Amino acid sequence: MKKRLQEEGLFDAARKRPLPSLPRKIGIVTSLEGAAIRDIINVLRRRHANVQMVIRPARVQGEGAALEIARGLKAVARVPGVDVVIVGRGGGSIEDLWAFNEEIVARAIVLSPVPVISAVGHESDVTIADFVADLRAPTPSAAAELVIAATKEFSSRIDRLSDRLRAAARARIQGRSRRVHMVSGRSALAGFPGRVAMRGRETAELSHELGRAARSHLAGRDRRLQQLRRRLEACALGQRFAGIRTRLITADGRLTSAIARRHHRADAQLRGCAGRLETLSPLAVLARGYAVCWNGDRTAVIRDAAVTSPGDRVRVTLTTGELDCEVRLTNESAPRTEGQEP
């Protein structure tokens, strides 16, 4: 298996990822019962108290331990903000460390989206996990030291750059100070401080005059504002608004009454039209006892008995329902008038 993984390039140094310079959240996959977790926590708290730790418990020896370690690596890498993961355990026999020689653990380390530090056993113990990890630590404590070593180096570099910046600033200021002192000692600048003092007094006088003019201008503006305010108050806007509100209420009442009258007139007209329409409706004629006789396929109204023959089918529409009839006898004589005996 080691030869196969090596041929796949999983041990290549070019594949290994560097550790983050300022890790803010560190993932840890190990057992909660061993000394490794306590060593890692103690070192991180002592060297970098502000770092956050995400601990994913997992069995690190025995049957099923390799599967738990692989699942723990996947789970802790999915936690938002995790920058690096430490996976390992304390020392033991080769049988105790065998879970870290399983291919499933090696694949999980390779597929981790963040760098992984392998810290298995003592310095002399070497497992497949050490070969595929981005960095191998001889012990869990050393892994904690390595993960914050970059942070310490980063802080030291900041301190060194700060010292260099302060030294450069002091040197620059001293050079400028010497140049000013040298220039001020020249004969052409002998009365320069006196001229500067005179210009200072003139500047103070001009500033005083400018302040007085600004205050006078603001006072005039304030008086004008007060006059405008008094004129505005004299307009009695409140009373004008009250009168406008009264007229609006009166107009609203008249408009409501006009709408109601218009509605009543329209309703009366609608009722009259509906009554006339009802009078002219064919259905009203049928309701008085009359009927409509149709040919068999209801395509024409029969108004003359002569157009039918015995045996024809006709349909008779009544007020309610319809009759399907057969002609047995036709009478082509003129219809009887009202009051005529049959």
Protein backbone atom coordinates (compact mmCIF):
# COMPACT_ATOMS: atom_id res chain seq x y z
CA MET A 1 0.00 0.00 0.00
CA LYS A 2 2.84 2.38 0.80
CA LYS A 3 4.40 1.72 -2.61
CA ARG A 4 1.05 2.24 -4.37
CA LEU A 5 0.37 5.54 -2.57
CA GLN A 6 3.90 6.71 -3.34
CA GLU A 7 3.43 5.92 -7.03
CA GLU A 8 0.25 8.00 -6.97
CA GLY A 9 2.33 10.98 -5.81
CA LEU A 10 0.71 11.31 -2.38
CA PHE A 11 4.14 11.51 -0.68
CA ASP A 12 5.55 14.19 -3.03
CA ALA A 13 6.83 17.32 -1.37
CA ALA A 14 5.37 19.44 -4.15
CA ARG A 15 1.87 18.41 -3.05
CA LYS A 16 2.42 19.48 0.56
CA ARG A 17 0.77 22.76 1.59
CA PRO A 18 2.41 25.37 3.83
CA LEU A 19 0.93 26.12 7.24
CA PRO A 20 -1.01 29.40 7.60
CA SER A 21 0.94 32.29 9.08
CA LEU A 22 -1.82 33.40 11.46
CA PRO A 23 -4.12 30.47 12.25
CA ARG A 24 -7.23 31.69 14.08
CA LYS A 25 -9.03 28.34 14.40
CA ILE A 26 -7.24 24.99 14.76
CA GLY A 27 -8.97 21.63 14.31
CA ILE A 28 -7.90 18.66 16.45
CA VAL A 29 -8.81 15.02 15.74
CA THR A 30 -7.77 12.67 18.56
CA SER A 31 -9.08 10.79 21.57
CA LEU A 32 -10.36 12.70 24.59
CA GLU A 33 -9.00 10.02 26.92
CA GLY A 34 -5.31 10.24 26.03
CA ALA A 35 -2.58 12.60 27.10
CA ALA A 36 -2.16 13.96 23.56
CA ILE A 37 -5.20 16.24 23.75
CA ARG A 38 -4.07 17.70 27.08
CA ASP A 39 -0.56 18.34 25.76
CA ILE A 40 -1.88 20.09 22.65
CA ILE A 41 -4.29 22.29 24.64
CA ASN A 42 -1.62 23.24 27.20
CA VAL A 43 0.87 24.28 24.55
CA LEU A 44 -1.68 26.28 22.52
CA ARG A 45 -3.03 28.08 25.61
CA ARG A 46 0.48 28.91 26.80
CA ARG A 47 1.87 30.08 23.47
CA HIS A 48 -1.23 31.54 21.77
CA ALA A 49 -4.08 32.18 24.21
CA ASN A 50 -6.35 33.77 21.60
CA VAL A 51 -6.47 30.80 19.25
CA GLN A 52 -9.76 28.89 18.89
CA MET A 53 -9.80 25.10 18.96
CA VAL A 54 -12.33 22.77 17.34
CA ILE A 55 -11.96 19.27 18.84
CA ARG A 56 -13.45 16.25 17.02
CA PRO A 57 -13.21 13.18 19.30
CA ALA A 58 -12.29 9.88 17.65
CA ARG A 59 -10.97 6.50 18.71
CA VAL A 60 -7.30 6.20 17.83
CA GLN A 61 -6.78 2.45 18.27
CA GLY A 62 -8.72 -0.76 17.92
CA GLU A 63 -11.29 -1.97 15.43
CA GLY A 64 -13.12 0.85 13.62
CA ALA A 65 -10.63 3.51 14.76
CA ALA A 66 -9.42 4.26 11.22
CA LEU A 67 -12.99 4.93 10.03
CA GLU A 68 -13.63 7.29 12.97
CA ILE A 69 -10.39 9.19 12.29
CA ALA A 70 -11.28 9.59 8.61
CA ARG A 71 -14.78 10.81 9.47
CA GLY A 72 -13.35 13.18 12.07
CA LEU A 73 -10.99 14.72 9.51
CA LYS A 74 -13.86 15.33 7.08
CA ALA A 75 -16.10 16.76 9.79
CA VAL A 76 -13.58 19.16 11.33
CA ALA A 77 -12.45 20.42 7.92
CA ARG A 78 -16.04 21.42 7.13
CA VAL A 79 -16.24 23.74 10.16
CA PRO A 80 -16.18 27.35 8.89
CA GLY A 81 -12.92 29.17 9.66
CA VAL A 82 -10.71 26.16 10.43
CA ASP A 83 -7.22 26.97 9.06
CA VAL A 84 -5.23 23.83 9.94
CA VAL A 85 -5.91 20.38 11.46
CA ILE A 86 -3.81 18.32 13.89
CA VAL A 87 -4.45 14.56 13.86
CA GLY A 88 -2.60 12.11 16.07
CA ARG A 89 -2.21 10.38 19.39
CA GLY A 90 0.39 9.52 22.01
CA GLY A 91 2.97 6.75 21.82
CA GLY A 92 2.30 3.02 21.90
CA SER A 93 3.05 -0.25 20.20
CA ILE A 94 2.87 -0.72 16.47
CA GLU A 95 -0.51 -2.40 16.96
CA ASP A 96 -1.80 0.63 18.89
CA LEU A 97 -0.70 2.98 16.11
CA TRP A 98 -1.94 0.81 13.27
CA ALA A 99 -5.07 2.89 12.58
CA PHE A 100 -2.79 5.59 11.15
CA ASN A 101 -1.41 3.06 8.64
CA GLU A 102 -4.84 2.46 7.10
CA GLU A 103 -5.48 3.69 3.56
CA ILE A 104 -8.80 5.33 4.52
CA VAL A 105 -6.96 7.65 6.90
CA ALA A 106 -4.32 8.47 4.30
CA ARG A 107 -7.01 9.32 1.73
CA ALA A 108 -8.86 11.50 4.22
CA ILE A 109 -5.68 13.48 4.96
CA VAL A 110 -5.01 13.99 1.25
CA LEU A 111 -8.59 15.13 0.55
CA SER A 112 -8.66 17.61 3.46
CA PRO A 113 -9.22 21.16 2.12
CA VAL A 114 -6.89 22.62 4.80
CA PRO A 115 -3.31 21.64 5.75
CA VAL A 116 -2.99 18.62 8.07
CA ILE A 117 -0.26 18.01 10.67
CA SER A 118 0.34 14.37 11.60
CA ALA A 119 1.47 13.85 15.23
CA VAL A 120 1.48 10.12 15.91
CA GLY A 121 3.35 8.50 18.77
CA HIS A 122 6.90 9.43 19.68
CA GLU A 123 9.67 10.80 17.50
CA SER A 124 10.79 7.33 16.43
CA ASP A 125 7.29 6.22 15.34
CA VAL A 126 6.52 6.63 11.64
CA THR A 127 3.19 5.83 9.97
CA ILE A 128 1.59 6.20 6.54
CA ALA A 129 -0.24 9.28 7.88
CA ASP A 130 3.15 10.96 8.42
CA PHE A 131 4.08 10.47 4.76
CA VAL A 132 0.86 11.93 3.30
CA ALA A 133 0.38 14.75 5.82
CA ASP A 134 1.41 18.28 4.88
CA LEU A 135 3.73 18.32 7.89
CA ARG A 136 4.94 15.62 10.31
CA ALA A 137 5.41 16.42 14.00
CA PRO A 138 7.36 14.01 16.23
CA THR A 139 4.85 14.37 19.10
CA PRO A 140 1.45 16.01 19.69
CA SER A 141 3.14 18.75 21.75
CA ALA A 142 5.56 19.42 18.90
CA ALA A 143 2.58 19.67 16.53
CA ALA A 144 1.10 22.43 18.68
CA GLU A 145 4.48 24.18 18.71
CA LEU A 146 4.76 23.93 14.92
CA VAL A 147 1.27 25.25 14.22
CA ILE A 148 1.94 28.47 16.16
CA ALA A 149 5.61 28.79 15.21
CA ALA A 150 4.62 30.70 12.08
CA THR A 151 2.54 33.06 14.20
CA LYS A 152 5.50 33.71 16.50
CA GLU A 153 7.78 34.35 13.53
CA PHE A 154 5.17 36.68 12.03
CA SER A 155 4.96 38.65 15.28
CA SER A 156 8.76 38.81 15.52
CA ARG A 157 8.97 40.10 11.97
CA ILE A 158 6.41 42.81 12.78
CA ASP A 159 8.48 43.82 15.83
CA ARG A 160 11.66 43.98 13.76
CA LEU A 161 9.99 46.06 11.06
CA SER A 162 8.54 48.39 13.72
CA ASP A 163 12.02 48.91 15.21
CA ARG A 164 13.46 49.63 11.77
CA LEU A 165 10.65 52.07 11.00
CA ARG A 166 11.16 53.97 14.27
CA ALA A 167 14.94 54.10 13.71
CA ALA A 168 14.49 55.39 10.16
CA ALA A 169 12.00 58.03 11.35
CA ARG A 170 14.38 59.23 14.08
CA ALA A 171 17.27 59.42 11.61
CA ARG A 172 15.13 61.35 9.14
CA ILE A 173 14.00 63.83 11.81
CA GLN A 174 17.55 64.33 13.08
CA GLY A 175 18.82 64.97 9.56
CA ARG A 176 16.09 67.54 8.92
CA SER A 177 16.80 69.18 12.29
CA ARG A 178 20.52 69.54 11.49
CA ARG A 179 19.71 71.01 8.10
CA VAL A 180 17.32 73.56 9.62
CA HIS A 181 19.92 74.53 12.23
CA MET A 182 22.57 74.93 9.53
CA VAL A 183 20.33 77.05 7.30
CA SER A 184 19.16 79.27 10.18
CA GLY A 185 22.77 80.16 10.98
CA ARG A 186 23.36 81.83 7.60
CA SER A 187 23.69 85.67 7.46
CA ALA A 188 20.86 86.04 4.96
CA LEU A 189 18.44 84.64 7.55
CA ALA A 190 19.68 86.69 10.51
CA GLY A 191 16.41 88.65 10.98
CA PHE A 192 14.12 85.83 9.91
CA PRO A 193 12.68 85.04 13.39
CA GLY A 194 11.78 88.73 13.89
CA ARG A 195 10.05 88.89 10.53
CA VAL A 196 8.16 85.71 11.33
CA ALA A 197 7.04 87.24 14.67
CA MET A 198 5.86 90.39 12.88
CA ARG A 199 3.93 88.36 10.37
CA GLY A 200 2.44 86.47 13.26
CA ARG A 201 1.14 89.66 14.86
CA GLU A 202 -0.31 90.80 11.55
CA THR A 203 -1.98 87.44 11.14
CA ALA A 204 -3.49 87.71 14.62
CA GLU A 205 -4.84 91.21 13.89
CA LEU A 206 -6.35 90.07 10.58
CA SER A 207 -7.89 87.05 12.30
CA HIS A 208 -9.45 89.34 14.90
CA GLU A 209 -10.86 91.65 12.22
CA LEU A 210 -12.19 88.68 10.26
CA GLY A 211 -13.89 87.27 13.37
CA ARG A 212 -15.48 90.64 14.17
CA ALA A 213 -16.76 91.01 10.59
CA ALA A 214 -18.16 87.47 10.62
CA ARG A 215 -19.94 88.08 13.93
CA SER A 216 -21.41 91.36 12.64
CA HIS A 217 -22.62 89.65 9.47
CA LEU A 218 -24.19 86.82 11.45
CA ALA A 219 -25.91 89.31 13.77
CA GLY A 220 -27.46 91.09 10.77
CA ARG A 221 -28.64 87.77 9.35
CA ASP A 222 -30.15 86.88 12.70
CA ARG A 223 -32.08 90.18 12.87
CA ARG A 224 -33.40 89.59 9.35
CA LEU A 225 -34.46 86.08 10.36
CA GLN A 226 -36.34 87.41 13.37
CA GLN A 227 -38.18 89.95 11.20
CA LEU A 228 -39.21 87.25 8.72
CA ARG A 229 -40.39 85.03 11.57
CA ARG A 230 -42.59 87.81 12.96
CA ARG A 231 -44.07 88.48 9.51
CA LEU A 232 -44.76 84.79 9.06
CA GLU A 233 -46.48 84.58 12.43
CA ALA A 234 -48.61 87.61 11.49
CA CYS A 235 -50.06 85.67 8.56
CA ALA A 236 -51.92 83.44 11.08
CA LEU A 237 -51.46 80.31 9.06
CA GLY A 238 -53.31 78.29 11.69
CA GLN A 239 -56.51 80.27 11.23
CA ARG A 240 -56.23 80.13 7.46
CA PHE A 241 -55.82 76.39 7.60
CA ALA A 242 -58.88 76.13 9.90
CA GLY A 243 -61.02 78.05 7.37
CA ILE A 244 -59.75 75.91 4.52
CA ARG A 245 -60.51 72.78 6.55
CA THR A 246 -64.11 74.01 7.20
CA ARG A 247 -64.69 74.68 3.50
CA LEU A 248 -63.32 71.25 2.64
CA ILE A 249 -65.69 69.58 5.12
CA THR A 250 -68.68 71.49 3.69
CA ALA A 251 -67.71 70.62 0.13
CA ASP A 252 -67.28 66.99 1.12
CA GLY A 253 -70.82 66.96 2.57
CA ARG A 254 -72.30 68.45 -0.57
CA LEU A 255 -70.38 66.01 -2.74
CA THR A 256 -71.61 63.06 -0.66
CA SER A 257 -75.24 64.24 -0.94
CA ALA A 258 -74.94 64.74 -4.71
CA ILE A 259 -73.47 61.28 -5.14
CA ALA A 260 -76.32 59.75 -3.08
CA ARG A 261 -78.98 61.58 -5.17
CA ARG A 262 -77.30 60.52 -8.40
CA HIS A 263 -77.18 56.95 -7.15
CA HIS A 264 -80.88 56.94 -6.31
CA ARG A 265 -81.83 58.33 -9.74
CA ALA A 266 -79.64 55.78 -11.52
CA ASP A 267 -81.10 52.97 -9.43
CA ALA A 268 -84.67 54.07 -10.28
CA GLN A 269 -83.80 54.23 -13.99
CA LEU A 270 -82.22 50.79 -13.81
CA ARG A 271 -85.28 49.32 -12.12
CA GLY A 272 -87.58 50.88 -14.77
CA CYS A 273 -85.49 49.52 -17.64
CA ALA A 274 -85.40 46.10 -15.98
CA GLY A 275 -89.23 46.14 -15.66
CA ARG A 276 -89.69 47.04 -19.32
CA LEU A 277 -87.18 44.42 -20.36
CA GLU A 278 -89.01 41.82 -18.30
CA THR A 279 -92.29 42.76 -20.00
CA LEU A 280 -90.77 42.30 -23.45
CA SER A 281 -88.96 39.09 -22.55
CA PRO A 282 -90.05 35.91 -24.42
CA LEU A 283 -89.88 34.09 -21.12
CA ALA A 284 -92.68 36.29 -19.77
CA VAL A 285 -94.86 35.27 -22.73
CA LEU A 286 -94.16 31.62 -22.00
CA ALA A 287 -95.06 32.20 -18.36
CA ARG A 288 -98.57 33.29 -19.44
CA GLY A 289 -99.25 29.82 -20.90
CA TYR A 290 -97.88 30.10 -24.40
CA ALA A 291 -95.38 27.67 -25.94
CA VAL A 292 -92.80 27.67 -28.77
CA CYS A 293 -92.86 24.80 -31.27
CA TRP A 294 -89.57 23.83 -32.96
CA ASN A 295 -88.76 21.35 -35.71
CA GLY A 296 -87.07 18.12 -34.68
CA ASP A 297 -83.48 19.41 -34.72
CA ARG A 298 -84.37 22.83 -33.19
CA THR A 299 -83.14 24.79 -36.19
CA ALA A 300 -86.45 26.61 -36.97
CA VAL A 301 -89.62 27.71 -35.22
CA ILE A 302 -92.85 26.22 -36.66
CA ARG A 303 -95.44 28.92 -37.20
CA ASP A 304 -97.69 27.08 -39.72
CA ALA A 305 -99.12 23.60 -39.32
CA ALA A 306 -98.82 23.12 -43.07
CA VAL A 307 -95.06 22.71 -42.86
CA THR A 308 -95.50 19.51 -40.79
CA SER A 309 -96.75 16.10 -41.71
CA PRO A 310 -98.07 13.27 -39.60
CA GLY A 311 -95.13 11.35 -38.14
CA ASP A 312 -92.80 14.36 -37.88
CA ARG A 313 -91.01 14.97 -34.62
CA VAL A 314 -91.34 18.40 -33.04
CA ARG A 315 -90.11 19.98 -29.82
CA VAL A 316 -92.32 22.21 -27.71
CA THR A 317 -90.66 24.65 -25.29
CA LEU A 318 -92.74 25.49 -22.20
CA THR A 319 -92.16 27.84 -19.30
CA THR A 320 -90.41 25.01 -17.50
CA GLY A 321 -88.97 22.18 -19.55
CA GLU A 322 -89.48 20.94 -23.08
CA LEU A 323 -91.67 18.30 -24.79
CA ASP A 324 -90.55 15.92 -27.53
CA CYS A 325 -93.74 15.26 -29.59
CA GLU A 326 -94.84 13.35 -32.70
CA VAL A 327 -97.34 14.91 -35.14
CA ARG A 328 -100.36 12.65 -35.57
CA LEU A 329 -102.80 15.06 -37.22
CA THR A 330 -102.51 18.55 -38.72
CA ASN A 331 -105.30 21.13 -38.79
CA GLU A 332 -104.57 23.85 -41.32
CA SER A 333 -107.71 25.88 -40.54
CA ALA A 334 -107.37 29.40 -39.11
CA PRO A 335 -106.80 29.63 -35.37
CA ARG A 336 -109.74 30.38 -33.10
CA THR A 337 -110.16 33.77 -31.62
CA GLU A 338 -110.81 34.40 -27.97
CA GLY A 339 -114.33 33.40 -26.95
CA GLN A 340 -114.91 31.13 -30.03
CA GLU A 341 -116.37 27.75 -29.22
CA PRO A 342 -114.24 24.73 -30.07
